[in-house]
Amino acid sequence: MAKELIPPPELAPPTYDHLTATQRIAVWMGVMNLCEQFLLAGLRREIGPDGDLRAAYQRWYAARMEEHDQTMKRMLEELSRRGCPYAGR
């Protein structure tokens, strides 16, 4: 069993085929809200109970966007180097 790649049925992730589109969106929003709560809890732990959570979130977000911008820049530079016509020369 240790070498099997497919987990047994009882460990398989749930399927959402039986849900309507509205219900699926509600599940997605629930996951997004949970992720936000984890993020805010992590930031709160870093800054302590008296820290400015809004400022910590803004710093976190700015850092993520800078990282994203750098990733996009590197990707466009690589596409341009390879001669991709859509790389915004």
C-alpha atoms as a PDB file:
ATOM      1  CA  MET A   1       0.000   0.000   0.000  1.00  0.00           C
ATOM      2  CA  ALA A   2       2.926   2.365   0.625  1.00  0.00           C
ATOM      3  CA  LYS A   3       3.766   2.369  -3.086  1.00  0.00           C
ATOM      4  CA  GLU A   4       0.220   3.057  -4.305  1.00  0.00           C
ATOM      5  CA  LEU A   5      -0.271   6.444  -5.934  1.00  0.00           C
ATOM      6  CA  ILE A   6      -4.040   6.561  -5.651  1.00  0.00           C
ATOM      7  CA  PRO A   7      -5.395   6.921  -2.127  1.00  0.00           C
ATOM      8  CA  PRO A   8      -8.115   4.603  -0.894  1.00  0.00           C
ATOM      9  CA  PRO A   9     -11.693   5.870  -1.396  1.00  0.00           C
ATOM     10  CA  GLU A  10     -12.115   6.896   2.228  1.00  0.00           C
ATOM     11  CA  LEU A  11      -9.188   9.349   1.839  1.00  0.00           C
ATOM     12  CA  ALA A  12     -10.329  10.786  -1.492  1.00  0.00           C
ATOM     13  CA  PRO A  13     -11.154  14.507  -1.511  1.00  0.00           C
ATOM     14  CA  PRO A  14     -14.860  15.368  -1.547  1.00  0.00           C
ATOM     15  CA  THR A  15     -16.608  16.026  -4.836  1.00  0.00           C
ATOM     16  CA  TYR A  16     -19.027  18.846  -5.392  1.00  0.00           C
ATOM     17  CA  ASP A  17     -20.805  17.512  -8.476  1.00  0.00           C
ATOM     18  CA  HIS A  18     -24.102  17.409  -6.600  1.00  0.00           C
ATOM     19  CA  LEU A  19     -24.001  21.138  -5.741  1.00  0.00           C
ATOM     20  CA  THR A  20     -25.532  23.941  -7.766  1.00  0.00           C
ATOM     21  CA  ALA A  21     -23.349  26.737  -9.113  1.00  0.00           C
ATOM     22  CA  THR A  22     -24.554  29.004  -6.314  1.00  0.00           C
ATOM     23  CA  GLN A  23     -23.668  26.403  -3.705  1.00  0.00           C
ATOM     24  CA  ARG A  24     -20.231  25.883  -5.236  1.00  0.00           C
ATOM     25  CA  ILE A  25     -19.609  29.621  -5.120  1.00  0.00           C
ATOM     26  CA  ALA A  26     -20.668  29.627  -1.457  1.00  0.00           C
ATOM     27  CA  VAL A  27     -18.163  26.840  -0.723  1.00  0.00           C
ATOM     28  CA  TRP A  28     -15.434  28.798  -2.541  1.00  0.00           C
ATOM     29  CA  MET A  29     -16.255  31.953  -0.612  1.00  0.00           C
ATOM     30  CA  GLY A  30     -16.118  29.981   2.628  1.00  0.00           C
ATOM     31  CA  VAL A  31     -12.628  28.750   1.753  1.00  0.00           C
ATOM     32  CA  MET A  32     -11.532  32.273   0.830  1.00  0.00           C
ATOM     33  CA  ASN A  33     -12.877  33.651   4.121  1.00  0.00           C
ATOM     34  CA  LEU A  34     -11.094  30.906   6.063  1.00  0.00           C
ATOM     35  CA  CYS A  35      -7.818  31.715   4.297  1.00  0.00           C
ATOM     36  CA  GLU A  36      -8.247  35.384   5.162  1.00  0.00           C
ATOM     37  CA  GLN A  37      -8.799  34.483   8.801  1.00  0.00           C
ATOM     38  CA  PHE A  38      -5.592  32.424   8.811  1.00  0.00           C
ATOM     39  CA  LEU A  39      -3.699  35.332   7.240  1.00  0.00           C
ATOM     40  CA  LEU A  40      -5.040  37.825   9.747  1.00  0.00           C
ATOM     41  CA  ALA A  41      -4.299  35.466  12.639  1.00  0.00           C
ATOM     42  CA  GLY A  42      -0.721  35.071  11.404  1.00  0.00           C
ATOM     43  CA  LEU A  43      -0.279  38.810  11.084  1.00  0.00           C
ATOM     44  CA  ARG A  44      -1.786  39.344  14.534  1.00  0.00           C
ATOM     45  CA  ARG A  45       0.669  36.837  15.971  1.00  0.00           C
ATOM     46  CA  GLU A  46       3.573  38.711  14.362  1.00  0.00           C
ATOM     47  CA  ILE A  47       2.529  42.171  15.542  1.00  0.00           C
ATOM     48  CA  GLY A  48       1.102  41.242  18.930  1.00  0.00           C
ATOM     49  CA  PRO A  49      -2.198  42.214  20.512  1.00  0.00           C
ATOM     50  CA  ASP A  50      -1.503  45.952  20.432  1.00  0.00           C
ATOM     51  CA  GLY A  51      -0.097  46.128  16.895  1.00  0.00           C
ATOM     52  CA  ASP A  52      -1.784  47.849  13.973  1.00  0.00           C
ATOM     53  CA  LEU A  53      -3.406  45.015  12.020  1.00  0.00           C
ATOM     54  CA  ARG A  54      -4.451  47.253   9.120  1.00  0.00           C
ATOM     55  CA  ALA A  55      -0.876  48.524   8.664  1.00  0.00           C
ATOM     56  CA  ALA A  56       0.495  44.965   8.912  1.00  0.00           C
ATOM     57  CA  TYR A  57      -1.954  43.818   6.243  1.00  0.00           C
ATOM     58  CA  GLN A  58      -1.021  46.723   3.985  1.00  0.00           C
ATOM     59  CA  ARG A  59       2.693  45.864   4.327  1.00  0.00           C
ATOM     60  CA  TRP A  60       1.972  42.190   3.618  1.00  0.00           C
ATOM     61  CA  TYR A  61      -0.125  43.058   0.574  1.00  0.00           C
ATOM     62  CA  ALA A  62       2.443  45.514  -0.790  1.00  0.00           C
ATOM     63  CA  ALA A  63       5.174  42.879  -0.461  1.00  0.00           C
ATOM     64  CA  ARG A  64       3.038  40.257  -2.269  1.00  0.00           C
ATOM     65  CA  MET A  65       2.240  42.686  -5.088  1.00  0.00           C
ATOM     66  CA  GLU A  66       5.897  43.624  -5.469  1.00  0.00           C
ATOM     67  CA  GLU A  67       6.761  39.932  -5.642  1.00  0.00           C
ATOM     68  CA  HIS A  68       3.991  39.397  -8.216  1.00  0.00           C
ATOM     69  CA  ASP A  69       5.149  42.367 -10.305  1.00  0.00           C
ATOM     70  CA  GLN A  70       8.717  41.051 -10.326  1.00  0.00           C
ATOM     71  CA  THR A  71       7.508  37.609 -11.372  1.00  0.00           C
ATOM     72  CA  MET A  72       5.462  39.090 -14.230  1.00  0.00           C
ATOM     73  CA  LYS A  73       8.412  41.247 -15.302  1.00  0.00           C
ATOM     74  CA  ARG A  74      10.732  38.228 -15.431  1.00  0.00           C
ATOM     75  CA  MET A  75       8.137  36.234 -17.362  1.00  0.00           C
ATOM     76  CA  LEU A  76       7.645  39.009 -19.933  1.00  0.00           C
ATOM     77  CA  GLU A  77      11.399  39.465 -20.291  1.00  0.00           C
ATOM     78  CA  GLU A  78      11.772  35.737 -20.934  1.00  0.00           C
ATOM     79  CA  LEU A  79       8.913  35.708 -23.437  1.00  0.00           C
ATOM     80  CA  SER A  80      10.400  38.725 -25.175  1.00  0.00           C
ATOM     81  CA  ARG A  81      13.806  37.046 -25.288  1.00  0.00           C
ATOM     82  CA  ARG A  82      12.178  34.055 -26.951  1.00  0.00           C
ATOM     83  CA  GLY A  83      10.536  36.279 -29.542  1.00  0.00           C
ATOM     84  CA  CYS A  84       6.932  36.043 -28.378  1.00  0.00           C
ATOM     85  CA  PRO A  85       4.902  38.700 -30.211  1.00  0.00           C
ATOM     86  CA  TYR A  86       2.652  39.257 -27.159  1.00  0.00           C
ATOM     87  CA  ALA A  87       5.432  40.064 -24.691  1.00  0.00           C
ATOM     88  CA  GLY A  88       5.064  43.839 -25.066  1.00  0.00           C
ATOM     89  CA  ARG A  89       8.339  44.739 -26.663  1.00  0.00           C
END
